[in-house]
Amino acid sequence: ALPDQAPQIPAEPIQPAVSVPTLLLGLWLTGMAVLLAYHGISHFRLCLWVRRWAVPVTDPETLQTFHSTGDRLGLRRRPALLRCPRLASPMLCGLTRPLLLLPEQPPAGEALQLTLEHELTHFRHRDVWRKALALLANGVHWFNPLMWWMVRRMAYDLELACDDAVLQTHGQAGRAVYGRTVLEALEALSTRP
């Protein structure tokens, strides 16, 4: 080496500011937080809507059908029965204080009994908890397309299980009424603004 040249010091490799595992962890946590926040906000809005618009059912025929159906299913505890305007079809909601919500104009007669039996079967099977657990698992595994498919498939299977439970206890005439009731509910959902 020449005396007037400084010795070359090898340059250290430049380290990225954020490592790939840290970046992936941040991405995963962000996706999970966004999805769980979305579900949380949706649930909060539903609770506000129910609190504002839902009123207890006072119709004696509906209440009698509700209680006799609950007795036949062996339910010691039952959800609160409320009527909600602008609700297209009956639904069960609430983890700690379950509510069975009926539309403003619920079906009548045998169709009402079959509808209540379907929703009370969801209650008996604790399907609201199952759906909440599936949404939580979906939040953790938001990046996995199979998890999204599983959540949709599980909701579909829960509906089919309740339909099957209702149809098992009714004859051909009851099945026809139930089929018409389901079709009317689907029509109401499709025409909802």
Protein backbone atom coordinates (compact mmCIF):
# COMPACT_ATOMS: atom_id res chain seq x y z
CA ALA A 1 0.00 0.00 0.00
CA LEU A 2 1.13 3.50 -0.68
CA PRO A 3 1.88 5.57 2.39
CA ASP A 4 -0.52 8.41 1.49
CA GLN A 5 -3.56 6.13 1.10
CA ALA A 6 -5.71 5.27 4.13
CA PRO A 7 -6.49 1.62 4.61
CA GLN A 8 -9.93 0.56 3.33
CA ILE A 9 -12.35 -0.35 6.11
CA PRO A 10 -14.99 -2.78 4.91
CA ALA A 11 -18.48 -1.20 5.07
CA GLU A 12 -20.97 -2.94 7.34
CA PRO A 13 -24.12 -4.14 5.60
CA ILE A 14 -27.01 -1.72 5.97
CA GLN A 15 -29.70 -3.17 8.22
CA PRO A 16 -33.29 -2.37 7.32
CA ALA A 17 -35.10 -0.17 9.86
CA VAL A 18 -37.77 -2.87 10.34
CA SER A 19 -37.18 -6.58 9.96
CA VAL A 20 -39.45 -8.71 7.78
CA PRO A 21 -40.85 -10.69 10.76
CA THR A 22 -41.67 -7.43 12.57
CA LEU A 23 -43.32 -6.08 9.43
CA LEU A 24 -45.40 -9.26 9.02
CA LEU A 25 -46.40 -9.18 12.70
CA GLY A 26 -47.49 -5.56 12.35
CA LEU A 27 -49.49 -6.39 9.22
CA TRP A 28 -51.18 -9.36 10.94
CA LEU A 29 -52.05 -7.31 14.06
CA THR A 30 -53.39 -4.46 11.93
CA GLY A 31 -55.60 -6.79 9.88
CA MET A 32 -56.88 -8.46 13.03
CA ALA A 33 -57.59 -5.13 14.72
CA VAL A 34 -59.44 -3.77 11.66
CA LEU A 35 -61.63 -6.85 11.27
CA LEU A 36 -62.46 -7.17 14.97
CA ALA A 37 -63.15 -3.42 15.18
CA TYR A 38 -65.50 -3.73 12.20
CA HIS A 39 -67.44 -6.55 13.88
CA GLY A 40 -67.44 -4.70 17.20
CA ILE A 41 -68.79 -1.51 15.63
CA SER A 42 -71.43 -3.47 13.71
CA HIS A 43 -72.54 -5.15 16.94
CA PHE A 44 -72.60 -1.83 18.79
CA ARG A 45 -74.76 -0.27 16.05
CA LEU A 46 -77.16 -3.23 16.20
CA CYS A 47 -77.42 -2.82 19.98
CA LEU A 48 -78.19 0.89 19.61
CA TRP A 49 -80.79 0.15 16.94
CA VAL A 50 -82.47 -2.50 19.09
CA ARG A 51 -82.42 -0.27 22.16
CA ARG A 52 -84.04 2.56 20.21
CA TRP A 53 -86.65 0.72 18.16
CA ALA A 54 -87.45 -2.67 19.71
CA VAL A 55 -90.50 -3.03 21.93
CA PRO A 56 -91.64 -6.06 23.92
CA VAL A 57 -94.19 -8.26 22.22
CA THR A 58 -97.55 -7.90 23.94
CA ASP A 59 -99.77 -9.83 21.54
CA PRO A 60 -101.29 -12.70 23.60
CA GLU A 61 -101.34 -15.15 20.68
CA THR A 62 -97.66 -14.55 19.89
CA LEU A 63 -96.68 -14.82 23.55
CA GLN A 64 -98.68 -18.03 23.98
CA THR A 65 -97.05 -19.55 20.89
CA PHE A 66 -93.61 -18.42 22.11
CA HIS A 67 -94.04 -20.01 25.55
CA SER A 68 -95.62 -23.23 24.29
CA THR A 69 -92.82 -23.64 21.74
CA GLY A 70 -90.21 -23.02 24.43
CA ASP A 71 -91.91 -25.58 26.68
CA ARG A 72 -91.98 -28.16 23.89
CA LEU A 73 -88.24 -27.60 23.27
CA GLY A 74 -87.52 -28.01 26.99
CA LEU A 75 -86.14 -24.50 27.49
CA ARG A 76 -85.97 -23.42 31.12
CA ARG A 77 -84.59 -20.03 30.14
CA ARG A 78 -85.72 -18.06 27.08
CA PRO A 79 -84.60 -14.96 25.25
CA ALA A 80 -86.61 -11.77 25.55
CA LEU A 81 -89.17 -11.51 22.75
CA LEU A 82 -89.19 -8.13 21.01
CA ARG A 83 -90.75 -6.64 17.89
CA CYS A 84 -88.61 -4.42 15.67
CA PRO A 85 -89.68 -2.18 12.80
CA ARG A 86 -87.73 -2.45 9.53
CA LEU A 87 -86.55 -5.94 10.42
CA ALA A 88 -86.95 -8.18 7.36
CA SER A 89 -86.94 -11.54 9.14
CA PRO A 90 -86.77 -12.89 12.69
CA MET A 91 -83.36 -13.12 14.30
CA LEU A 92 -81.68 -14.12 17.52
CA CYS A 93 -78.97 -11.84 18.89
CA GLY A 94 -77.09 -11.09 22.09
CA LEU A 95 -74.47 -13.13 23.92
CA THR A 96 -75.19 -12.29 27.54
CA ARG A 97 -78.79 -11.08 27.25
CA PRO A 98 -80.26 -12.94 24.28
CA LEU A 99 -83.08 -11.34 22.33
CA LEU A 100 -85.43 -12.87 19.79
CA LEU A 101 -86.41 -10.10 17.40
CA LEU A 102 -89.54 -10.36 15.27
CA PRO A 103 -90.46 -8.08 12.37
CA GLU A 104 -93.27 -5.58 12.80
CA GLN A 105 -95.60 -7.95 10.93
CA PRO A 106 -94.52 -11.45 11.97
CA PRO A 107 -96.08 -14.51 10.40
CA ALA A 108 -99.28 -15.80 11.99
CA GLY A 109 -100.65 -19.18 12.98
CA GLU A 110 -98.55 -22.23 12.20
CA ALA A 111 -95.99 -20.14 10.33
CA LEU A 112 -95.36 -18.14 13.53
CA GLN A 113 -94.96 -21.31 15.55
CA LEU A 114 -92.47 -22.75 13.03
CA THR A 115 -90.54 -19.48 12.90
CA LEU A 116 -90.30 -19.30 16.69
CA GLU A 117 -89.27 -22.95 16.82
CA HIS A 118 -86.45 -22.24 14.37
CA GLU A 119 -85.14 -19.26 16.35
CA LEU A 120 -85.52 -21.01 19.71
CA THR A 121 -83.57 -23.96 18.29
CA HIS A 122 -80.74 -21.50 17.54
CA PHE A 123 -81.03 -20.40 21.18
CA ARG A 124 -80.99 -23.98 22.48
CA HIS A 125 -77.93 -24.81 20.37
CA ARG A 126 -76.15 -21.63 21.54
CA ASP A 127 -75.54 -20.66 17.92
CA VAL A 128 -74.93 -16.99 18.76
CA TRP A 129 -71.87 -18.08 20.78
CA ARG A 130 -70.70 -20.33 17.97
CA LYS A 131 -70.94 -17.49 15.47
CA ALA A 132 -69.10 -15.13 17.83
CA LEU A 133 -66.29 -17.68 18.23
CA ALA A 134 -66.11 -18.13 14.46
CA LEU A 135 -65.84 -14.35 13.99
CA LEU A 136 -63.07 -14.21 16.58
CA ALA A 137 -61.19 -17.04 14.84
CA ASN A 138 -61.73 -15.25 11.53
CA GLY A 139 -60.25 -12.11 13.06
CA VAL A 140 -57.13 -13.98 14.16
CA HIS A 141 -56.79 -15.81 10.82
CA TRP A 142 -58.04 -12.97 8.58
CA PHE A 143 -55.37 -13.68 5.99
CA ASN A 144 -56.55 -17.25 5.37
CA PRO A 145 -59.23 -17.55 2.64
CA LEU A 146 -60.24 -20.96 4.01
CA MET A 147 -61.22 -19.30 7.29
CA TRP A 148 -63.54 -16.88 5.44
CA TRP A 149 -65.11 -19.83 3.65
CA MET A 150 -65.43 -21.75 6.94
CA VAL A 151 -67.29 -18.88 8.65
CA ARG A 152 -69.79 -18.61 5.79
CA ARG A 153 -70.18 -22.38 5.63
CA MET A 154 -70.69 -22.62 9.39
CA ALA A 155 -73.47 -20.00 9.33
CA TYR A 156 -75.13 -21.89 6.48
CA ASP A 157 -74.81 -25.22 8.34
CA LEU A 158 -76.27 -23.73 11.54
CA GLU A 159 -79.31 -22.59 9.57
CA LEU A 160 -79.68 -26.01 7.95
CA ALA A 161 -79.40 -27.74 11.34
CA CYS A 162 -82.22 -25.61 12.74
CA ASP A 163 -84.33 -26.17 9.63
CA ASP A 164 -83.77 -29.91 9.95
CA ALA A 165 -84.68 -29.88 13.67
CA VAL A 166 -87.94 -28.08 12.90
CA LEU A 167 -88.83 -30.32 9.97
CA GLN A 168 -88.19 -33.49 12.01
CA THR A 169 -91.12 -32.70 14.30
CA HIS A 170 -93.72 -31.76 11.67
CA GLY A 171 -95.63 -33.69 9.04
CA GLN A 172 -95.94 -32.96 5.36
CA ALA A 173 -98.39 -30.08 5.87
CA GLY A 174 -96.07 -28.44 8.43
CA ARG A 175 -93.15 -28.81 6.04
CA ALA A 176 -95.09 -27.06 3.28
CA VAL A 177 -95.96 -24.18 5.63
CA TYR A 178 -92.35 -23.97 6.77
CA GLY A 179 -91.09 -23.91 3.19
CA ARG A 180 -93.45 -21.04 2.31
CA THR A 181 -92.38 -19.19 5.48
CA VAL A 182 -88.69 -19.51 4.58
CA LEU A 183 -89.35 -18.35 1.01
CA GLU A 184 -91.32 -15.32 2.26
CA ALA A 185 -88.47 -14.43 4.64
CA LEU A 186 -85.94 -14.67 1.81
CA GLU A 187 -88.16 -12.51 -0.39
CA ALA A 188 -88.44 -9.92 2.37
CA LEU A 189 -84.66 -9.88 2.72
CA SER A 190 -84.12 -9.44 -1.01
CA THR A 191 -86.59 -6.53 -1.30
CA ARG A 192 -85.30 -4.70 1.77
CA PRO A 193 -83.85 -1.26 0.92
